């Protein structure tokens, strides 16, 4: 999983993955997700998916502890969500996401995937 800071970085990663014959997942940067919003991120992902269909696996939008942002992302669709919410809220968000076919990953699992323990 690769955190993308900008479109150029995403394109570079996907070109490399295409040349290597591999599939990668992309994630929005935690510090910029709220400012970017789910619509812009999903639109960028759709463009990248059409340009690199064999290289782009899943796309993940970091919602962190913002339940409203998670709900907005679920409503928009097109990308999975990364959440860091209290258990009761996480369960409700996960159920809502499942109804819309949106994947959910806990932030702790996300950070473990991108920075595995040595």
PDB file of N, CA and C in Angstrom:
ATOM      1  N   UNK A   1       0.843  -1.167   0.000  1.00  0.00           N
ATOM      2  CA  UNK A   1       0.000   0.000   0.000  1.00  0.00           C
ATOM      3  C   UNK A   1       0.894   1.237   0.000  1.00  0.00           C
ATOM      4  N   UNK A   2       0.547   2.184  -0.853  1.00  0.00           N
ATOM      5  CA  UNK A   2       1.347   3.390  -1.008  1.00  0.00           C
ATOM      6  C   UNK A   2       0.482   4.605  -0.708  1.00  0.00           C
ATOM      7  N   UNK A   3       0.975   5.485   0.156  1.00  0.00           N
ATOM      8  CA  UNK A   3       0.281   6.742   0.415  1.00  0.00           C
ATOM      9  C   UNK A   3       0.697   7.715  -0.679  1.00  0.00           C
ATOM     10  N   UNK A   4      -0.296   8.280  -1.351  1.00  0.00           N
ATOM     11  CA  UNK A   4       0.010   9.196  -2.446  1.00  0.00           C
ATOM     12  C   UNK A   4      -0.146  10.645  -1.979  1.00  0.00           C
ATOM     13  N   UNK A   5       0.863  11.430  -2.247  1.00  0.00           N
ATOM     14  CA  UNK A   5       0.833  12.842  -1.874  1.00  0.00           C
ATOM     15  C   UNK A   5       0.270  13.699  -2.994  1.00  0.00           C
ATOM     16  N   UNK A   6       0.443  13.244  -4.239  1.00  0.00           N
ATOM     17  CA  UNK A   6      -0.048  14.025  -5.375  1.00  0.00           C
ATOM     18  C   UNK A   6      -0.238  13.099  -6.579  1.00  0.00           C
ATOM     19  N   UNK A   7      -0.842  13.645  -7.624  1.00  0.00           N
ATOM     20  CA  UNK A   7      -1.136  12.852  -8.816  1.00  0.00           C
ATOM     21  C   UNK A   7       0.126  12.337  -9.494  1.00  0.00           C
ATOM     22  N   UNK A   8       1.186  13.146  -9.501  1.00  0.00           N
ATOM     23  CA  UNK A   8       2.434  12.705 -10.132  1.00  0.00           C
ATOM     24  C   UNK A   8       3.022  11.496  -9.430  1.00  0.00           C
ATOM     25  N   UNK A   9       2.997  11.504  -8.104  1.00  0.00           N
ATOM     26  CA  UNK A   9       3.498  10.361  -7.344  1.00  0.00           C
ATOM     27  C   UNK A   9       2.676   9.114  -7.607  1.00  0.00           C
ATOM     28  N   UNK A  10       1.367   9.284  -7.698  1.00  0.00           N
ATOM     29  CA  UNK A  10       0.488   8.150  -7.983  1.00  0.00           C
ATOM     30  C   UNK A  10       0.773   7.571  -9.362  1.00  0.00           C
ATOM     31  N   UNK A  11       0.913   8.450 -10.347  1.00  0.00           N
ATOM     32  CA  UNK A  11       1.208   7.985 -11.702  1.00  0.00           C
ATOM     33  C   UNK A  11       2.545   7.264 -11.764  1.00  0.00           C
ATOM     34  N   UNK A  12       3.537   7.787 -11.084  1.00  0.00           N
ATOM     35  CA  UNK A  12       4.855   7.160 -11.070  1.00  0.00           C
ATOM     36  C   UNK A  12       4.789   5.768 -10.454  1.00  0.00           C
ATOM     37  N   UNK A  13       4.094   5.660  -9.334  1.00  0.00           N
ATOM     38  CA  UNK A  13       3.957   4.352  -8.667  1.00  0.00           C
ATOM     39  C   UNK A  13       3.212   3.367  -9.557  1.00  0.00           C
ATOM     40  N   UNK A  14       2.174   3.835 -10.230  1.00  0.00           N
ATOM     41  CA  UNK A  14       1.387   2.936 -11.077  1.00  0.00           C
ATOM     42  C   UNK A  14       2.149   2.544 -12.347  1.00  0.00           C
ATOM     43  N   UNK A  15       2.941   3.450 -12.899  1.00  0.00           N
ATOM     44  CA  UNK A  15       3.783   3.099 -14.051  1.00  0.00           C
ATOM     45  C   UNK A  15       4.785   2.020 -13.659  1.00  0.00           C
ATOM     46  N   UNK A  16       5.402   2.192 -12.495  1.00  0.00           N
ATOM     47  CA  UNK A  16       6.368   1.200 -12.012  1.00  0.00           C
ATOM     48  C   UNK A  16       5.683  -0.145 -11.797  1.00  0.00           C
ATOM     49  N   UNK A  17       4.489  -0.124 -11.191  1.00  0.00           N
ATOM     50  CA  UNK A  17       3.747  -1.368 -10.963  1.00  0.00           C
ATOM     51  C   UNK A  17       3.363  -2.030 -12.281  1.00  0.00           C
ATOM     52  N   UNK A  18       2.951  -1.235 -13.246  1.00  0.00           N
ATOM     53  CA  UNK A  18       2.598  -1.776 -14.564  1.00  0.00           C
ATOM     54  C   UNK A  18       3.803  -2.461 -15.199  1.00  0.00           C
ATOM     55  N   UNK A  19       4.948  -1.783 -15.169  1.00  0.00           N
ATOM     56  CA  UNK A  19       6.169  -2.353 -15.750  1.00  0.00           C
ATOM     57  C   UNK A  19       6.620  -3.613 -15.035  1.00  0.00           C
ATOM     58  N   UNK A  20       6.347  -3.683 -13.733  1.00  0.00           N
ATOM     59  CA  UNK A  20       6.731  -4.851 -12.940  1.00  0.00           C
ATOM     60  C   UNK A  20       5.671  -5.958 -12.991  1.00  0.00           C
ATOM     61  N   UNK A  21       4.522  -5.651 -13.573  1.00  0.00           N
ATOM     62  CA  UNK A  21       3.449  -6.641 -13.642  1.00  0.00           C
ATOM     63  C   UNK A  21       2.831  -6.933 -12.290  1.00  0.00           C
ATOM     64  N   UNK A  22       2.763  -5.918 -11.432  1.00  0.00           N
ATOM     65  CA  UNK A  22       2.213  -6.111 -10.098  1.00  0.00           C
ATOM     66  C   UNK A  22       1.042  -5.155  -9.861  1.00  0.00           C
ATOM     67  N   UNK A  23       0.313  -5.402  -8.815  1.00  0.00           N
ATOM     68  CA  UNK A  23      -0.835  -4.585  -8.441  1.00  0.00           C
ATOM     69  C   UNK A  23      -0.531  -3.892  -7.123  1.00  0.00           C
ATOM     70  N   UNK A  24      -0.864  -2.612  -7.026  1.00  0.00           N
ATOM     71  CA  UNK A  24      -0.642  -1.873  -5.780  1.00  0.00           C
ATOM     72  C   UNK A  24      -1.940  -1.212  -5.317  1.00  0.00           C
ATOM     73  N   UNK A  25      -2.021  -0.997  -4.020  1.00  0.00           N
ATOM     74  CA  UNK A  25      -3.107  -0.228  -3.426  1.00  0.00           C
ATOM     75  C   UNK A  25      -2.600   1.175  -3.148  1.00  0.00           C
ATOM     76  N   UNK A  26      -3.464   2.162  -3.332  1.00  0.00           N
ATOM     77  CA  UNK A  26      -3.122   3.550  -3.049  1.00  0.00           C
ATOM     78  C   UNK A  26      -3.991   4.072  -1.911  1.00  0.00           C
ATOM     79  N   UNK A  27      -3.425   4.957  -1.098  1.00  0.00           N
ATOM     80  CA  UNK A  27      -4.169   5.551   0.012  1.00  0.00           C
ATOM     81  C   UNK A  27      -3.939   7.056   0.040  1.00  0.00           C
ATOM     82  N   UNK A  28      -4.956   7.772   0.477  1.00  0.00           N
ATOM     83  CA  UNK A  28      -4.816   9.218   0.633  1.00  0.00           C
ATOM     84  C   UNK A  28      -3.956   9.498   1.859  1.00  0.00           C
ATOM     85  N   UNK A  29      -3.251  10.605   1.866  1.00  0.00           N
ATOM     86  CA  UNK A  29      -2.423  10.944   3.025  1.00  0.00           C
ATOM     87  C   UNK A  29      -3.300  11.395   4.195  1.00  0.00           C
ATOM     88  N   UNK A  30      -3.068  10.859   5.381  1.00  0.00           N
ATOM     89  CA  UNK A  30      -3.901  11.223   6.537  1.00  0.00           C
ATOM     90  C   UNK A  30      -4.002  12.726   6.767  1.00  0.00           C
ATOM     91  N   UNK A  31      -2.913  13.430   6.587  1.00  0.00           N
ATOM     92  CA  UNK A  31      -2.907  14.858   6.899  1.00  0.00           C
ATOM     93  C   UNK A  31      -3.632  15.713   5.852  1.00  0.00           C
ATOM     94  N   UNK A  32      -3.951  15.168   4.699  1.00  0.00           N
ATOM     95  CA  UNK A  32      -4.594  15.955   3.647  1.00  0.00           C
ATOM     96  C   UNK A  32      -5.997  15.486   3.277  1.00  0.00           C
ATOM     97  N   UNK A  33      -6.427  14.364   3.804  1.00  0.00           N
ATOM     98  CA  UNK A  33      -7.696  13.777   3.377  1.00  0.00           C
ATOM     99  C   UNK A  33      -8.886  14.701   3.580  1.00  0.00           C
ATOM    100  N   UNK A  34      -9.008  15.280   4.764  1.00  0.00           N
ATOM    101  CA  UNK A  34     -10.171  16.128   5.045  1.00  0.00           C
ATOM    102  C   UNK A  34     -10.210  17.326   4.105  1.00  0.00           C
ATOM    103  N   UNK A  35      -9.055  17.910   3.812  1.00  0.00           N
ATOM    104  CA  UNK A  35      -9.009  19.064   2.918  1.00  0.00           C
ATOM    105  C   UNK A  35      -9.325  18.662   1.479  1.00  0.00           C
ATOM    106  N   UNK A  36      -8.877  17.480   1.077  1.00  0.00           N
ATOM    107  CA  UNK A  36      -9.092  16.998  -0.282  1.00  0.00           C
ATOM    108  C   UNK A  36     -10.547  16.598  -0.488  1.00  0.00           C
ATOM    109  N   UNK A  37     -11.103  15.889   0.478  1.00  0.00           N
ATOM    110  CA  UNK A  37     -12.475  15.407   0.367  1.00  0.00           C
ATOM    111  C   UNK A  37     -12.574  14.135  -0.452  1.00  0.00           C
ATOM    112  N   UNK A  38     -13.591  13.336  -0.161  1.00  0.00           N
ATOM    113  CA  UNK A  38     -13.736  12.050  -0.845  1.00  0.00           C
ATOM    114  C   UNK A  38     -14.052  12.170  -2.337  1.00  0.00           C
ATOM    115  N   UNK A  39     -14.766  13.206  -2.734  1.00  0.00           N
ATOM    116  CA  UNK A  39     -15.131  13.333  -4.150  1.00  0.00           C
ATOM    117  C   UNK A  39     -13.904  13.527  -5.031  1.00  0.00           C
ATOM    118  N   UNK A  40     -13.042  14.456  -4.649  1.00  0.00           N
ATOM    119  CA  UNK A  40     -11.830  14.709  -5.433  1.00  0.00           C
ATOM    120  C   UNK A  40     -10.937  13.475  -5.464  1.00  0.00           C
ATOM    121  N   UNK A  41     -10.769  12.828  -4.312  1.00  0.00           N
ATOM    122  CA  UNK A  41      -9.934  11.629  -4.270  1.00  0.00           C
ATOM    123  C   UNK A  41     -10.503  10.543  -5.174  1.00  0.00           C
ATOM    124  N   UNK A  42     -11.798  10.287  -5.082  1.00  0.00           N
ATOM    125  CA  UNK A  42     -12.420   9.236  -5.898  1.00  0.00           C
ATOM    126  C   UNK A  42     -12.330   9.561  -7.389  1.00  0.00           C
ATOM    127  N   UNK A  43     -12.467  10.844  -7.739  1.00  0.00           N
ATOM    128  CA  UNK A  43     -12.335  11.239  -9.141  1.00  0.00           C
ATOM    129  C   UNK A  43     -10.916  10.983  -9.644  1.00  0.00           C
ATOM    130  N   UNK A  44      -9.921  11.328  -8.839  1.00  0.00           N
ATOM    131  CA  UNK A  44      -8.533  11.074  -9.233  1.00  0.00           C
ATOM    132  C   UNK A  44      -8.269   9.581  -9.382  1.00  0.00           C
ATOM    133  N   UNK A  45      -8.809   8.805  -8.456  1.00  0.00           N
ATOM    134  CA  UNK A  45      -8.629   7.350  -8.522  1.00  0.00           C
ATOM    135  C   UNK A  45      -9.278   6.793  -9.784  1.00  0.00           C
ATOM    136  N   UNK A  46     -10.463   7.282 -10.145  1.00  0.00           N
ATOM    137  CA  UNK A  46     -11.133   6.798 -11.357  1.00  0.00           C
ATOM    138  C   UNK A  46     -10.282   7.080 -12.596  1.00  0.00           C
ATOM    139  N   UNK A  47      -9.670   8.251 -12.649  1.00  0.00           N
ATOM    140  CA  UNK A  47      -8.795   8.594 -13.781  1.00  0.00           C
ATOM    141  C   UNK A  47      -7.583   7.668 -13.809  1.00  0.00           C
ATOM    142  N   UNK A  48      -6.987   7.451 -12.635  1.00  0.00           N
ATOM    143  CA  UNK A  48      -5.817   6.563 -12.562  1.00  0.00           C
ATOM    144  C   UNK A  48      -6.192   5.128 -12.911  1.00  0.00           C
ATOM    145  N   UNK A  49      -7.363   4.671 -12.480  1.00  0.00           N
ATOM    146  CA  UNK A  49      -7.813   3.302 -12.767  1.00  0.00           C
ATOM    147  C   UNK A  49      -8.001   3.113 -14.268  1.00  0.00           C
ATOM    148  N   UNK A  50      -8.508   4.147 -14.939  1.00  0.00           N
ATOM    149  CA  UNK A  50      -8.690   4.008 -16.387  1.00  0.00           C
ATOM    150  C   UNK A  50      -7.346   4.017 -17.126  1.00  0.00           C
ATOM    151  N   UNK A  51      -6.366   4.735 -16.577  1.00  0.00           N
ATOM    152  CA  UNK A  51      -5.049   4.793 -17.215  1.00  0.00           C
ATOM    153  C   UNK A  51      -4.188   3.570 -16.900  1.00  0.00           C
ATOM    154  N   UNK A  52      -4.368   2.996 -15.718  1.00  0.00           N
ATOM    155  CA  UNK A  52      -3.537   1.864 -15.259  1.00  0.00           C
ATOM    156  C   UNK A  52      -4.422   0.754 -14.683  1.00  0.00           C
ATOM    157  N   UNK A  53      -5.310   0.189 -15.486  1.00  0.00           N
ATOM    158  CA  UNK A  53      -6.283  -0.774 -14.942  1.00  0.00           C
ATOM    159  C   UNK A  53      -5.670  -2.035 -14.340  1.00  0.00           C
ATOM    160  N   UNK A  54      -4.552  -2.463 -14.868  1.00  0.00           N
ATOM    161  CA  UNK A  54      -3.943  -3.696 -14.366  1.00  0.00           C
ATOM    162  C   UNK A  54      -3.090  -3.478 -13.126  1.00  0.00           C
ATOM    163  N   UNK A  55      -2.741  -2.228 -12.840  1.00  0.00           N
ATOM    164  CA  UNK A  55      -1.811  -1.954 -11.744  1.00  0.00           C
ATOM    165  C   UNK A  55      -2.484  -1.474 -10.462  1.00  0.00           C
ATOM    166  N   UNK A  56      -3.677  -0.892 -10.584  1.00  0.00           N
ATOM    167  CA  UNK A  56      -4.328  -0.331  -9.403  1.00  0.00           C
ATOM    168  C   UNK A  56      -5.288  -1.333  -8.787  1.00  0.00           C
ATOM    169  N   UNK A  57      -4.974  -1.719  -7.558  1.00  0.00           N
ATOM    170  CA  UNK A  57      -5.845  -2.629  -6.817  1.00  0.00           C
ATOM    171  C   UNK A  57      -6.936  -1.828  -6.119  1.00  0.00           C
ATOM    172  N   UNK A  58      -6.805  -1.680  -4.819  1.00  0.00           N
ATOM    173  CA  UNK A  58      -7.775  -0.930  -4.032  1.00  0.00           C
ATOM    174  C   UNK A  58      -7.276   0.488  -3.787  1.00  0.00           C
ATOM    175  N   UNK A  59      -8.212   1.385  -3.599  1.00  0.00           N
ATOM    176  CA  UNK A  59      -7.895   2.752  -3.207  1.00  0.00           C
ATOM    177  C   UNK A  59      -8.562   3.011  -1.864  1.00  0.00           C
ATOM    178  N   UNK A  60      -7.827   3.653  -0.979  1.00  0.00           N
ATOM    179  CA  UNK A  60      -8.283   3.869   0.393  1.00  0.00           C
ATOM    180  C   UNK A  60      -8.250   5.348   0.744  1.00  0.00           C
ATOM    181  N   UNK A  61      -9.357   5.835   1.308  1.00  0.00           N
ATOM    182  CA  UNK A  61      -9.451   7.229   1.740  1.00  0.00           C
ATOM    183  C   UNK A  61      -9.371   7.266   3.261  1.00  0.00           C
ATOM    184  N   UNK A  62      -8.410   8.025   3.770  1.00  0.00           N
ATOM    185  CA  UNK A  62      -8.182   8.092   5.214  1.00  0.00           C
ATOM    186  C   UNK A  62      -9.189   9.034   5.860  1.00  0.00           C
ATOM    187  N   UNK A  63     -10.057   8.472   6.693  1.00  0.00           N
ATOM    188  CA  UNK A  63     -11.065   9.252   7.420  1.00  0.00           C
ATOM    189  C   UNK A  63     -10.680   9.434   8.880  1.00  0.00           C
ATOM    190  N   UNK A  64      -9.795   8.566   9.386  1.00  0.00           N
ATOM    191  CA  UNK A  64      -9.337   8.671  10.760  1.00  0.00           C
ATOM    192  C   UNK A  64     -10.476   8.686  11.755  1.00  0.00           C
ATOM    193  N   UNK A  65     -10.485   9.702  12.629  1.00  0.00           N
ATOM    194  CA  UNK A  65     -11.504   9.779  13.687  1.00  0.00           C
ATOM    195  C   UNK A  65     -12.695  10.649  13.290  1.00  0.00           C
ATOM    196  N   UNK A  66     -12.833  10.912  11.995  1.00  0.00           N
ATOM    197  CA  UNK A  66     -13.914  11.773  11.501  1.00  0.00           C
ATOM    198  C   UNK A  66     -15.045  10.919  10.923  1.00  0.00           C
ATOM    199  N   UNK A  67     -16.026  10.615  11.765  1.00  0.00           N
ATOM    200  CA  UNK A  67     -17.148   9.772  11.339  1.00  0.00           C
ATOM    201  C   UNK A  67     -17.915  10.411  10.183  1.00  0.00           C
ATOM    202  N   UNK A  68     -18.082  11.726  10.216  1.00  0.00           N
ATOM    203  CA  UNK A  68     -18.794  12.407   9.134  1.00  0.00           C
ATOM    204  C   UNK A  68     -18.089  12.266   7.800  1.00  0.00           C
ATOM    205  N   UNK A  69     -16.778  12.321   7.819  1.00  0.00           N
ATOM    206  CA  UNK A  69     -15.996  12.138   6.601  1.00  0.00           C
ATOM    207  C   UNK A  69     -16.142  10.707   6.091  1.00  0.00           C
ATOM    208  N   UNK A  70     -16.171   9.756   7.006  1.00  0.00           N
ATOM    209  CA  UNK A  70     -16.373   8.350   6.620  1.00  0.00           C
ATOM    210  C   UNK A  70     -17.744   8.168   5.967  1.00  0.00           C
ATOM    211  N   UNK A  71     -18.760   8.774   6.549  1.00  0.00           N
ATOM    212  CA  UNK A  71     -20.115   8.659   5.984  1.00  0.00           C
ATOM    213  C   UNK A  71     -20.169   9.298   4.597  1.00  0.00           C
ATOM    214  N   UNK A  72     -19.555  10.464   4.445  1.00  0.00           N
ATOM    215  CA  UNK A  72     -19.531  11.129   3.137  1.00  0.00           C
ATOM    216  C   UNK A  72     -18.818  10.269   2.092  1.00  0.00           C
ATOM    217  N   UNK A  73     -17.739   9.633   2.503  1.00  0.00           N
ATOM    218  CA  UNK A  73     -16.990   8.773   1.582  1.00  0.00           C
ATOM    219  C   UNK A  73     -17.807   7.546   1.199  1.00  0.00           C
ATOM    220  N   UNK A  74     -18.495   6.973   2.167  1.00  0.00           N
ATOM    221  CA  UNK A  74     -19.366   5.822   1.880  1.00  0.00           C
ATOM    222  C   UNK A  74     -20.448   6.228   0.887  1.00  0.00           C
ATOM    223  N   UNK A  75     -21.057   7.365   1.111  1.00  0.00           N
ATOM    224  CA  UNK A  75     -22.129   7.837   0.211  1.00  0.00           C
ATOM    225  C   UNK A  75     -21.602   8.066  -1.196  1.00  0.00           C
ATOM    226  N   UNK A  76     -20.386   8.600  -1.304  1.00  0.00           N
ATOM    227  CA  UNK A  76     -19.811   8.848  -2.627  1.00  0.00           C
ATOM    228  C   UNK A  76     -19.450   7.536  -3.306  1.00  0.00           C
ATOM    229  N   UNK A  77     -18.855   6.607  -2.549  1.00  0.00           N
ATOM    230  CA  UNK A  77     -18.462   5.309  -3.098  1.00  0.00           C
ATOM    231  C   UNK A  77     -17.184   5.389  -3.919  1.00  0.00           C
ATOM    232  N   UNK A  78     -16.783   4.255  -4.432  1.00  0.00           N
ATOM    233  CA  UNK A  78     -15.628   4.193  -5.321  1.00  0.00           C
ATOM    234  C   UNK A  78     -14.297   3.921  -4.653  1.00  0.00           C
ATOM    235  N   UNK A  79     -14.211   4.141  -3.343  1.00  0.00           N
ATOM    236  CA  UNK A  79     -12.968   3.894  -2.615  1.00  0.00           C
ATOM    237  C   UNK A  79     -13.294   3.321  -1.241  1.00  0.00           C
ATOM    238  N   UNK A  80     -12.342   2.584  -0.687  1.00  0.00           N
ATOM    239  CA  UNK A  80     -12.489   2.081   0.666  1.00  0.00           C
ATOM    240  C   UNK A  80     -12.151   3.172   1.675  1.00  0.00           C
ATOM    241  N   UNK A  81     -12.453   2.909   2.944  1.00  0.00           N
ATOM    242  CA  UNK A  81     -12.176   3.899   3.980  1.00  0.00           C
ATOM    243  C   UNK A  81     -11.276   3.321   5.062  1.00  0.00           C
ATOM    244  N   UNK A  82     -10.466   4.213   5.617  1.00  0.00           N
ATOM    245  CA  UNK A  82      -9.592   3.887   6.745  1.00  0.00           C
ATOM    246  C   UNK A  82     -10.123   4.689   7.919  1.00  0.00           C
ATOM    247  N   UNK A  83     -10.475   3.981   9.016  1.00  0.00           N
ATOM    248  CA  UNK A  83     -11.080   4.667  10.154  1.00  0.00           C
ATOM    249  C   UNK A  83     -10.324   4.389  11.451  1.00  0.00           C
ATOM    250  N   UNK A  84     -10.435   5.331  12.370  1.00  0.00           N
ATOM    251  CA  UNK A  84      -9.880   5.207  13.714  1.00  0.00           C
ATOM    252  C   UNK A  84     -10.931   5.763  14.670  1.00  0.00           C
ATOM    253  N   UNK A  85     -11.979   4.980  14.874  1.00  0.00           N
ATOM    254  CA  UNK A  85     -13.145   5.424  15.623  1.00  0.00           C
ATOM    255  C   UNK A  85     -13.392   4.550  16.843  1.00  0.00           C
ATOM    256  N   UNK A  86     -14.109   5.082  17.838  1.00  0.00           N
ATOM    257  CA  UNK A  86     -14.506   4.238  18.972  1.00  0.00           C
ATOM    258  C   UNK A  86     -15.273   3.017  18.459  1.00  0.00           C
ATOM    259  N   UNK A  87     -15.173   1.915  19.171  1.00  0.00           N
ATOM    260  CA  UNK A  87     -15.711   0.642  18.720  1.00  0.00           C
ATOM    261  C   UNK A  87     -17.177   0.724  18.281  1.00  0.00           C
ATOM    262  N   UNK A  88     -18.042   1.326  19.085  1.00  0.00           N
ATOM    263  CA  UNK A  88     -19.466   1.379  18.744  1.00  0.00           C
ATOM    264  C   UNK A  88     -19.688   2.143  17.441  1.00  0.00           C
ATOM    265  N   UNK A  89     -18.979   3.242  17.265  1.00  0.00           N
ATOM    266  CA  UNK A  89     -19.101   4.030  16.037  1.00  0.00           C
ATOM    267  C   UNK A  89     -18.516   3.263  14.859  1.00  0.00           C
ATOM    268  N   UNK A  90     -17.381   2.615  15.074  1.00  0.00           N
ATOM    269  CA  UNK A  90     -16.749   1.832  14.002  1.00  0.00           C
ATOM    270  C   UNK A  90     -17.675   0.729  13.506  1.00  0.00           C
ATOM    271  N   UNK A  91     -18.383   0.093  14.419  1.00  0.00           N
ATOM    272  CA  UNK A  91     -19.321  -0.971  14.024  1.00  0.00           C
ATOM    273  C   UNK A  91     -20.420  -0.401  13.135  1.00  0.00           C
ATOM    274  N   UNK A  92     -20.985   0.734  13.534  1.00  0.00           N
ATOM    275  CA  UNK A  92     -22.051   1.353  12.732  1.00  0.00           C
ATOM    276  C   UNK A  92     -21.541   1.769  11.352  1.00  0.00           C
ATOM    277  N   UNK A  93     -20.368   2.371  11.317  1.00  0.00           N
ATOM    278  CA  UNK A  93     -19.776   2.802  10.044  1.00  0.00           C
ATOM    279  C   UNK A  93     -19.494   1.588   9.165  1.00  0.00           C
ATOM    280  N   UNK A  94     -18.973   0.527   9.751  1.00  0.00           N
ATOM    281  CA  UNK A  94     -18.666  -0.693   8.997  1.00  0.00           C
ATOM    282  C   UNK A  94     -19.936  -1.311   8.417  1.00  0.00           C
ATOM    283  N   UNK A  95     -21.007  -1.309   9.193  1.00  0.00           N
ATOM    284  CA  UNK A  95     -22.285  -1.840   8.696  1.00  0.00           C
ATOM    285  C   UNK A  95     -22.811  -0.993   7.540  1.00  0.00           C
ATOM    286  N   UNK A  96     -22.732   0.321   7.684  1.00  0.00           N
ATOM    287  CA  UNK A  96     -23.180   1.223   6.626  1.00  0.00           C
ATOM    288  C   UNK A  96     -22.354   1.004   5.361  1.00  0.00           C
ATOM    289  N   UNK A  97     -21.044   0.859   5.539  1.00  0.00           N
ATOM    290  CA  UNK A  97     -20.158   0.638   4.394  1.00  0.00           C
ATOM    291  C   UNK A  97     -20.479  -0.681   3.697  1.00  0.00           C
ATOM    292  N   UNK A  98     -20.741  -1.717   4.477  1.00  0.00           N
ATOM    293  CA  UNK A  98     -21.054  -3.028   3.898  1.00  0.00           C
ATOM    294  C   UNK A  98     -22.310  -2.960   3.031  1.00  0.00           C
ATOM    295  N   UNK A  99     -23.293  -2.190   3.477  1.00  0.00           N
ATOM    296  CA  UNK A  99     -24.524  -2.039   2.692  1.00  0.00           C
ATOM    297  C   UNK A  99     -24.257  -1.397   1.338  1.00  0.00           C
ATOM    298  N   UNK A 100     -23.243  -0.546   1.257  1.00  0.00           N
ATOM    299  CA  UNK A 100     -22.907   0.156   0.010  1.00  0.00           C
ATOM    300  C   UNK A 100     -21.755  -0.503  -0.745  1.00  0.00           C
ATOM    301  N   UNK A 101     -21.239  -1.616  -0.222  1.00  0.00           N
ATOM    302  CA  UNK A 101     -20.139  -2.312  -0.885  1.00  0.00           C
ATOM    303  C   UNK A 101     -18.800  -1.609  -0.759  1.00  0.00           C
ATOM    304  N   UNK A 102     -18.632  -0.834   0.307  1.00  0.00           N
ATOM    305  CA  UNK A 102     -17.393  -0.097   0.544  1.00  0.00           C
ATOM    306  C   UNK A 102     -16.553  -0.856   1.570  1.00  0.00           C
ATOM    307  N   UNK A 103     -15.285  -1.081   1.254  1.00  0.00           N
ATOM    308  CA  UNK A 103     -14.376  -1.767   2.172  1.00  0.00           C
ATOM    309  C   UNK A 103     -13.943  -0.828   3.294  1.00  0.00           C
ATOM    310  N   UNK A 104     -13.688  -1.409   4.463  1.00  0.00           N
ATOM    311  CA  UNK A 104     -13.257  -0.642   5.635  1.00  0.00           C
ATOM    312  C   UNK A 104     -12.018  -1.303   6.222  1.00  0.00           C
ATOM    313  N   UNK A 105     -11.055  -0.483   6.606  1.00  0.00           N
ATOM    314  CA  UNK A 105      -9.883  -0.974   7.309  1.00  0.00           C
ATOM    315  C   UNK A 105      -9.645  -0.067   8.518  1.00  0.00           C
ATOM    316  N   UNK A 106      -9.267  -0.677   9.620  1.00  0.00           N
ATOM    317  CA  UNK A 106      -8.936   0.076  10.819  1.00  0.00           C
ATOM    318  C   UNK A 106      -7.570   0.745  10.622  1.00  0.00           C
ATOM    319  N   UNK A 107      -7.426   1.949  11.144  1.00  0.00           N
ATOM    320  CA  UNK A 107      -6.181   2.707  10.972  1.00  0.00           C
ATOM    321  C   UNK A 107      -4.969   1.950  11.507  1.00  0.00           C
ATOM    322  N   UNK A 108      -5.129   1.223  12.602  1.00  0.00           N
ATOM    323  CA  UNK A 108      -3.997   0.467  13.152  1.00  0.00           C
ATOM    324  C   UNK A 108      -3.530  -0.589  12.161  1.00  0.00           C
ATOM    325  N   UNK A 109      -4.472  -1.277  11.530  1.00  0.00           N
ATOM    326  CA  UNK A 109      -4.115  -2.273  10.523  1.00  0.00           C
ATOM    327  C   UNK A 109      -3.481  -1.597   9.305  1.00  0.00           C
ATOM    328  N   UNK A 110      -4.020  -0.459   8.916  1.00  0.00           N
ATOM    329  CA  UNK A 110      -3.468   0.302   7.792  1.00  0.00           C
ATOM    330  C   UNK A 110      -2.008   0.644   8.032  1.00  0.00           C
ATOM    331  N   UNK A 111      -1.719   1.229   9.200  1.00  0.00           N
ATOM    332  CA  UNK A 111      -0.340   1.625   9.475  1.00  0.00           C
ATOM    333  C   UNK A 111       0.575   0.420   9.637  1.00  0.00           C
ATOM    334  N   UNK A 112       0.048  -0.714  10.084  1.00  0.00           N
ATOM    335  CA  UNK A 112       0.841  -1.934  10.164  1.00  0.00           C
ATOM    336  C   UNK A 112       1.198  -2.411   8.757  1.00  0.00           C
ATOM    337  N   UNK A 113       0.268  -2.257   7.812  1.00  0.00           N
ATOM    338  CA  UNK A 113       0.535  -2.678   6.428  1.00  0.00           C
ATOM    339  C   UNK A 113       1.614  -1.831   5.774  1.00  0.00           C
ATOM    340  N   UNK A 114       1.603  -0.518   6.060  1.00  0.00           N
ATOM    341  CA  UNK A 114       2.588   0.336   5.379  1.00  0.00           C
ATOM    342  C   UNK A 114       3.903   0.437   6.121  1.00  0.00           C
ATOM    343  N   UNK A 115       3.897   0.121   7.425  1.00  0.00           N
ATOM    344  CA  UNK A 115       5.124   0.165   8.217  1.00  0.00           C
ATOM    345  C   UNK A 115       5.181  -1.075   9.111  1.00  0.00           C
ATOM    346  N   UNK A 116       5.399  -2.262   8.516  1.00  0.00           N
ATOM    347  CA  UNK A 116       5.420  -3.488   9.310  1.00  0.00           C
ATOM    348  C   UNK A 116       6.507  -3.447  10.381  1.00  0.00           C
ATOM    349  N   UNK A 117       6.223  -4.111  11.490  1.00  0.00           N
ATOM    350  CA  UNK A 117       7.216  -4.204  12.570  1.00  0.00           C
ATOM    351  C   UNK A 117       8.422  -4.974  12.066  1.00  0.00           C
ATOM    352  N   UNK A 118       9.590  -4.557  12.527  1.00  0.00           N
ATOM    353  CA  UNK A 118      10.811  -5.240  12.062  1.00  0.00           C
ATOM    354  C   UNK A 118      11.238  -6.324  13.007  1.00  0.00           C
TER     355      UNK A 118
END
